[in-house]
Amino acid sequence: MTGTLTTTITKRTVMGDVIVVFGTISGSGGNVTGDITTGLRRVLHCGVQPTGAAVDANQINVNETMPCDTGNVTVVRDADAPGTFVAYGTE
């Protein structure tokens, strides 16, 4: 079964010539694959962190080669996917 992934940008800031985007990830319906829409033109790095459990057996994985020139970062997880992300890039 394929689930849905929802992302929300919670903060944007500038560090020198790099834009940093913070946000949350949520998923439902089982296997979750989807894009984090960062609003950036080029993503230099994206980190994801699962939340909600003391030990999480189903890590969220970034499925992209960085830098990513689309601004969207594909993530994959084999279960519902609550978590946070931070993306660094340019506009």
N, C-alpha and C. Protein backbone atom coordinates (compact mmCIF):
# COMPACT_ATOMS: atom_id res chain seq x y z
N MET A 1 0.84 -1.17 0.00
CA MET A 1 0.00 0.00 0.00
C MET A 1 0.90 1.24 0.00
N THR A 2 0.53 2.23 -0.79
CA THR A 2 1.27 3.48 -0.84
C THR A 2 0.50 4.56 -0.10
N GLY A 3 1.21 5.24 0.78
CA GLY A 3 0.59 6.29 1.57
C GLY A 3 0.83 7.66 0.97
N THR A 4 0.47 8.66 1.72
CA THR A 4 0.67 10.03 1.29
C THR A 4 1.64 10.73 2.23
N LEU A 5 2.42 11.65 1.67
CA LEU A 5 3.38 12.42 2.44
C LEU A 5 2.96 13.88 2.39
N THR A 6 2.95 14.52 3.55
CA THR A 6 2.62 15.94 3.64
C THR A 6 3.78 16.66 4.30
N THR A 7 4.19 17.77 3.70
CA THR A 7 5.25 18.58 4.30
C THR A 7 4.76 20.00 4.51
N THR A 8 5.26 20.63 5.56
CA THR A 8 4.91 22.01 5.88
C THR A 8 6.18 22.76 6.21
N ILE A 9 6.41 23.90 5.56
CA ILE A 9 7.54 24.74 5.89
C ILE A 9 7.17 25.55 7.12
N THR A 10 8.02 25.49 8.15
CA THR A 10 7.74 26.19 9.40
C THR A 10 8.61 27.43 9.59
N LYS A 11 9.76 27.49 8.90
CA LYS A 11 10.64 28.65 9.02
C LYS A 11 11.59 28.70 7.84
N ARG A 12 11.93 29.93 7.44
CA ARG A 12 12.94 30.21 6.42
C ARG A 12 13.85 31.29 6.95
N THR A 13 15.15 31.09 6.76
CA THR A 13 16.11 32.10 7.19
C THR A 13 17.29 32.12 6.23
N VAL A 14 18.09 33.16 6.30
CA VAL A 14 19.26 33.29 5.43
C VAL A 14 20.51 33.25 6.29
N MET A 15 21.49 32.46 5.86
CA MET A 15 22.79 32.39 6.51
C MET A 15 23.83 32.69 5.44
N GLY A 16 24.28 33.94 5.39
CA GLY A 16 25.23 34.34 4.33
C GLY A 16 24.54 34.30 2.99
N ASP A 17 25.05 33.48 2.06
CA ASP A 17 24.42 33.35 0.75
C ASP A 17 23.61 32.07 0.61
N VAL A 18 23.30 31.42 1.75
CA VAL A 18 22.54 30.17 1.75
C VAL A 18 21.21 30.41 2.45
N ILE A 19 20.15 29.87 1.87
CA ILE A 19 18.82 29.92 2.48
C ILE A 19 18.58 28.59 3.19
N VAL A 20 18.06 28.68 4.41
CA VAL A 20 17.79 27.49 5.21
C VAL A 20 16.28 27.39 5.42
N VAL A 21 15.73 26.23 5.10
CA VAL A 21 14.29 25.99 5.22
C VAL A 21 14.07 24.87 6.22
N PHE A 22 13.22 25.12 7.22
CA PHE A 22 12.87 24.12 8.23
C PHE A 22 11.42 23.71 8.03
N GLY A 23 11.08 22.46 8.37
CA GLY A 23 9.70 22.06 8.24
C GLY A 23 9.39 20.73 8.89
N THR A 24 8.15 20.32 8.74
CA THR A 24 7.67 19.06 9.30
C THR A 24 7.22 18.12 8.18
N ILE A 25 7.28 16.83 8.49
CA ILE A 25 6.86 15.78 7.57
C ILE A 25 5.81 14.95 8.30
N SER A 26 4.74 14.62 7.62
CA SER A 26 3.78 13.67 8.18
C SER A 26 3.32 12.75 7.06
N GLY A 27 2.97 11.54 7.44
CA GLY A 27 2.52 10.57 6.45
C GLY A 27 1.44 9.69 7.01
N SER A 28 0.70 9.07 6.10
CA SER A 28 -0.33 8.14 6.53
C SER A 28 -0.57 7.13 5.42
N GLY A 29 -1.04 5.97 5.82
CA GLY A 29 -1.44 4.97 4.84
C GLY A 29 -0.37 3.96 4.47
N GLY A 30 0.67 3.81 5.28
CA GLY A 30 1.66 2.77 4.98
C GLY A 30 2.90 3.32 4.31
N ASN A 31 3.40 2.59 3.30
CA ASN A 31 4.63 3.00 2.62
C ASN A 31 4.51 4.43 2.12
N VAL A 32 5.48 5.25 2.46
CA VAL A 32 5.40 6.67 2.15
C VAL A 32 6.59 7.07 1.27
N THR A 33 6.29 7.57 0.08
CA THR A 33 7.29 8.16 -0.79
C THR A 33 6.71 9.45 -1.29
N GLY A 34 7.49 10.51 -1.23
CA GLY A 34 6.98 11.79 -1.71
C GLY A 34 8.06 12.84 -1.70
N ASP A 35 7.69 14.04 -2.10
CA ASP A 35 8.63 15.13 -2.20
C ASP A 35 8.45 16.14 -1.09
N ILE A 36 9.57 16.60 -0.56
CA ILE A 36 9.59 17.78 0.29
C ILE A 36 9.74 18.95 -0.68
N THR A 37 8.74 19.80 -0.75
CA THR A 37 8.80 20.98 -1.60
C THR A 37 9.42 22.10 -0.79
N THR A 38 10.68 22.41 -1.07
CA THR A 38 11.43 23.34 -0.23
C THR A 38 11.24 24.80 -0.61
N GLY A 39 10.84 25.07 -1.85
CA GLY A 39 10.77 26.44 -2.32
C GLY A 39 12.11 26.97 -2.79
N LEU A 40 13.14 26.14 -2.70
CA LEU A 40 14.47 26.53 -3.16
C LEU A 40 14.64 26.17 -4.63
N ARG A 41 15.54 26.86 -5.31
CA ARG A 41 15.85 26.51 -6.70
C ARG A 41 16.83 25.34 -6.74
N ARG A 42 17.80 25.37 -5.82
CA ARG A 42 18.82 24.33 -5.75
C ARG A 42 19.02 23.93 -4.29
N VAL A 43 18.88 22.65 -3.98
CA VAL A 43 19.07 22.15 -2.63
C VAL A 43 20.49 21.58 -2.53
N LEU A 44 21.27 22.15 -1.61
CA LEU A 44 22.64 21.69 -1.41
C LEU A 44 22.71 20.52 -0.45
N HIS A 45 21.82 20.51 0.54
CA HIS A 45 21.78 19.43 1.53
C HIS A 45 20.39 19.40 2.16
N CYS A 46 19.91 18.21 2.48
CA CYS A 46 18.64 18.07 3.19
C CYS A 46 18.79 16.96 4.22
N GLY A 47 18.47 17.30 5.46
CA GLY A 47 18.49 16.32 6.53
C GLY A 47 17.08 16.08 7.04
N VAL A 48 16.78 14.83 7.37
CA VAL A 48 15.47 14.47 7.91
C VAL A 48 15.66 13.74 9.23
N GLN A 49 14.69 13.92 10.12
CA GLN A 49 14.76 13.30 11.45
C GLN A 49 13.38 12.82 11.84
N PRO A 50 13.20 11.50 12.08
CA PRO A 50 11.91 11.03 12.55
C PRO A 50 11.62 11.53 13.96
N THR A 51 10.35 11.71 14.28
CA THR A 51 9.95 12.14 15.61
C THR A 51 8.83 11.24 16.11
N GLY A 52 8.58 11.31 17.41
CA GLY A 52 7.41 10.65 17.96
C GLY A 52 7.66 9.36 18.70
N ALA A 53 8.82 8.71 18.51
CA ALA A 53 9.08 7.46 19.20
C ALA A 53 10.50 7.48 19.76
N ALA A 54 10.71 6.83 20.88
CA ALA A 54 12.04 6.79 21.48
C ALA A 54 13.03 6.07 20.56
N VAL A 55 12.58 4.99 19.94
CA VAL A 55 13.39 4.24 18.98
C VAL A 55 12.54 4.05 17.74
N ASP A 56 13.04 4.52 16.61
CA ASP A 56 12.28 4.43 15.36
C ASP A 56 12.96 3.44 14.43
N ALA A 57 12.29 2.32 14.16
CA ALA A 57 12.87 1.28 13.29
C ALA A 57 12.76 1.63 11.81
N ASN A 58 11.98 2.63 11.48
CA ASN A 58 11.73 2.97 10.07
C ASN A 58 12.23 4.38 9.77
N GLN A 59 13.52 4.51 9.54
CA GLN A 59 14.11 5.81 9.27
C GLN A 59 13.58 6.38 7.96
N ILE A 60 13.50 7.70 7.91
CA ILE A 60 13.15 8.41 6.68
C ILE A 60 14.44 8.56 5.88
N ASN A 61 14.42 8.22 4.61
CA ASN A 61 15.61 8.29 3.78
C ASN A 61 15.44 9.32 2.67
N VAL A 62 16.49 10.13 2.46
CA VAL A 62 16.51 11.06 1.34
C VAL A 62 16.93 10.27 0.10
N ASN A 63 16.13 10.33 -0.95
CA ASN A 63 16.38 9.56 -2.17
C ASN A 63 16.76 10.52 -3.30
N GLU A 64 17.82 11.29 -3.09
CA GLU A 64 18.30 12.27 -4.07
C GLU A 64 19.82 12.30 -4.06
N THR A 65 20.39 12.71 -5.16
CA THR A 65 21.81 13.03 -5.23
C THR A 65 21.92 14.53 -5.05
N MET A 66 22.76 14.95 -4.10
CA MET A 66 22.92 16.37 -3.84
C MET A 66 24.15 16.90 -4.56
N PRO A 67 24.13 18.13 -5.04
CA PRO A 67 23.01 19.07 -4.98
C PRO A 67 21.87 18.65 -5.91
N CYS A 68 20.67 19.04 -5.53
CA CYS A 68 19.45 18.72 -6.26
C CYS A 68 18.93 20.01 -6.91
N ASP A 69 18.86 20.03 -8.22
CA ASP A 69 18.50 21.25 -8.94
C ASP A 69 17.00 21.47 -9.13
N THR A 70 16.16 20.61 -8.56
CA THR A 70 14.72 20.79 -8.74
C THR A 70 14.07 21.57 -7.61
N GLY A 71 14.70 21.60 -6.45
CA GLY A 71 14.09 22.23 -5.28
C GLY A 71 13.19 21.29 -4.51
N ASN A 72 12.84 20.15 -5.10
CA ASN A 72 12.03 19.14 -4.43
C ASN A 72 12.94 17.97 -4.05
N VAL A 73 12.82 17.50 -2.82
CA VAL A 73 13.66 16.42 -2.33
C VAL A 73 12.78 15.20 -2.07
N THR A 74 13.03 14.10 -2.76
CA THR A 74 12.25 12.88 -2.59
C THR A 74 12.72 12.14 -1.35
N VAL A 75 11.76 11.75 -0.50
CA VAL A 75 12.06 10.95 0.68
C VAL A 75 11.23 9.67 0.64
N VAL A 76 11.78 8.63 1.28
CA VAL A 76 11.15 7.31 1.27
C VAL A 76 11.14 6.77 2.70
N ARG A 77 10.05 6.12 3.04
CA ARG A 77 9.95 5.45 4.34
C ARG A 77 8.96 4.30 4.21
N ASP A 78 9.18 3.21 4.94
CA ASP A 78 8.30 2.05 4.81
C ASP A 78 7.17 2.02 5.82
N ALA A 79 6.91 3.15 6.44
CA ALA A 79 5.78 3.26 7.38
C ALA A 79 5.37 4.73 7.45
N ASP A 80 4.34 5.02 8.23
CA ASP A 80 3.94 6.42 8.40
C ASP A 80 5.15 7.24 8.83
N ALA A 81 5.20 8.50 8.42
CA ALA A 81 6.47 9.24 8.48
C ALA A 81 6.41 10.58 9.20
N PRO A 82 6.15 10.62 10.51
CA PRO A 82 6.26 11.91 11.17
C PRO A 82 7.72 12.28 11.36
N GLY A 83 8.04 13.55 11.20
CA GLY A 83 9.42 13.97 11.39
C GLY A 83 9.62 15.43 11.06
N THR A 84 10.88 15.83 11.04
CA THR A 84 11.24 17.20 10.69
C THR A 84 12.30 17.14 9.59
N PHE A 85 12.47 18.28 8.91
CA PHE A 85 13.52 18.38 7.90
C PHE A 85 14.15 19.76 7.96
N VAL A 86 15.38 19.83 7.46
CA VAL A 86 16.05 21.10 7.24
C VAL A 86 16.76 20.99 5.90
N ALA A 87 16.56 21.99 5.04
CA ALA A 87 17.17 22.01 3.72
C ALA A 87 17.97 23.29 3.55
N TYR A 88 19.15 23.16 2.98
CA TYR A 88 20.03 24.29 2.72
C TYR A 88 20.16 24.45 1.22
N GLY A 89 20.05 25.67 0.72
CA GLY A 89 20.18 25.83 -0.72
C GLY A 89 20.16 27.29 -1.16
N THR A 90 19.84 27.48 -2.44
CA THR A 90 19.81 28.80 -3.05
C THR A 90 18.51 28.99 -3.82
N GLU A 91 18.18 30.27 -4.08
CA GLU A 91 16.98 30.56 -4.87
C GLU A 91 17.32 30.81 -6.30
